[in-house]
Amino acid sequence: MVGLLILKQLENLSNERVVLQFKRNPYYQYFCAHPNYTPDVPCNATELVYFRKRIGTQGFGKKLLFKTFFIKIHIFIDC
């Protein structure tokens, strides 16, 4: 779910739109650590709201920072 929230912020999408894009876009699924393409949605849009409220804005910031750091390390190693 953290990956969906990051994509939502990066692409400036609504909750419904990011879930729909996840279903359609294999790159979104790869970013969210799904190894194979699946035409299913991981959650509904309202679950993103509940998840974001549960971790809070500070918790989301920490998870966003960690995920961004991990992605940069992963990209650096792959190059």
Protein backbone atom coordinates (compact mmCIF):
# COMPACT_ATOMS: atom_id res chain seq x y z
CA MET A 1 0.00 0.00 0.00
CA VAL A 2 2.93 2.32 0.58
CA GLY A 3 3.86 1.97 -3.07
CA LEU A 4 0.37 3.01 -4.13
CA LEU A 5 0.52 6.06 -1.87
CA ILE A 6 3.89 7.03 -3.34
CA LEU A 7 2.58 6.66 -6.89
CA LYS A 8 -0.51 8.65 -5.93
CA GLN A 9 1.67 11.52 -4.72
CA LEU A 10 4.16 11.36 -7.60
CA GLU A 11 1.53 11.25 -10.32
CA ASN A 12 -0.97 13.52 -8.51
CA LEU A 13 -3.77 10.95 -8.87
CA SER A 14 -6.91 10.28 -6.89
CA ASN A 15 -7.26 7.11 -4.84
CA GLU A 16 -9.60 5.60 -7.42
CA ARG A 17 -7.30 6.49 -10.29
CA VAL A 18 -4.14 5.06 -8.71
CA VAL A 19 -5.92 1.75 -8.00
CA LEU A 20 -7.19 1.65 -11.60
CA GLN A 21 -3.72 2.41 -12.93
CA PHE A 22 -2.31 -0.37 -10.76
CA LYS A 23 -4.71 -2.78 -12.42
CA ARG A 24 -3.77 -1.63 -15.94
CA ASN A 25 -0.09 -0.77 -15.66
CA PRO A 26 2.54 -3.48 -15.08
CA TYR A 27 5.10 -0.80 -14.17
CA TYR A 28 2.94 0.28 -11.25
CA GLN A 29 2.74 -3.33 -10.12
CA TYR A 30 6.50 -3.78 -10.40
CA PHE A 31 7.05 -0.59 -8.39
CA CYS A 32 4.78 -2.01 -5.69
CA ALA A 33 6.88 -5.23 -5.61
CA HIS A 34 4.45 -7.51 -7.43
CA PRO A 35 6.64 -9.99 -9.33
CA ASN A 36 4.08 -10.90 -12.00
CA TYR A 37 1.41 -8.91 -13.78
CA THR A 38 -2.08 -9.54 -12.41
CA PRO A 39 -5.26 -7.86 -13.66
CA ASP A 40 -6.58 -7.67 -10.09
CA VAL A 41 -6.57 -4.69 -7.77
CA PRO A 42 -4.74 -5.03 -4.44
CA CYS A 43 -7.33 -3.03 -2.54
CA ASN A 44 -10.19 -0.65 -3.07
CA ALA A 45 -9.74 3.11 -2.98
CA THR A 46 -11.22 3.57 0.48
CA GLU A 47 -8.64 1.22 1.99
CA LEU A 48 -5.93 3.69 0.93
CA VAL A 49 -7.65 6.40 2.96
CA TYR A 50 -7.85 4.17 6.03
CA PHE A 51 -4.23 3.08 5.63
CA ARG A 52 -3.00 6.67 5.26
CA LYS A 53 -4.94 7.72 8.35
CA ARG A 54 -3.64 4.74 10.30
CA ILE A 55 0.03 5.48 9.65
CA GLY A 56 -0.43 9.25 9.91
CA THR A 57 1.42 11.93 7.99
CA GLN A 58 4.68 11.49 9.89
CA GLY A 59 4.57 7.72 9.43
CA PHE A 60 3.91 8.15 5.73
CA GLY A 61 6.84 10.55 5.45
CA LYS A 62 9.18 8.03 7.10
CA LYS A 63 7.97 5.20 4.87
CA LEU A 64 8.24 7.43 1.80
CA LEU A 65 11.80 8.37 2.70
CA PHE A 66 12.78 4.72 3.26
CA LYS A 67 11.14 3.54 0.03
CA THR A 68 12.80 6.35 -1.96
CA PHE A 69 16.18 5.49 -0.44
CA PHE A 70 15.68 1.80 -1.24
CA ILE A 71 14.72 2.58 -4.84
CA LYS A 72 17.81 4.75 -5.32
CA ILE A 73 20.05 2.04 -3.89
CA HIS A 74 18.38 -0.60 -6.09
CA ILE A 75 18.76 1.53 -9.23
CA PHE A 76 22.38 2.29 -8.38
CA ILE A 77 23.17 -1.40 -7.93
CA ASP A 78 21.39 -2.37 -11.17
CA CYS A 79 23.39 0.16 -13.19
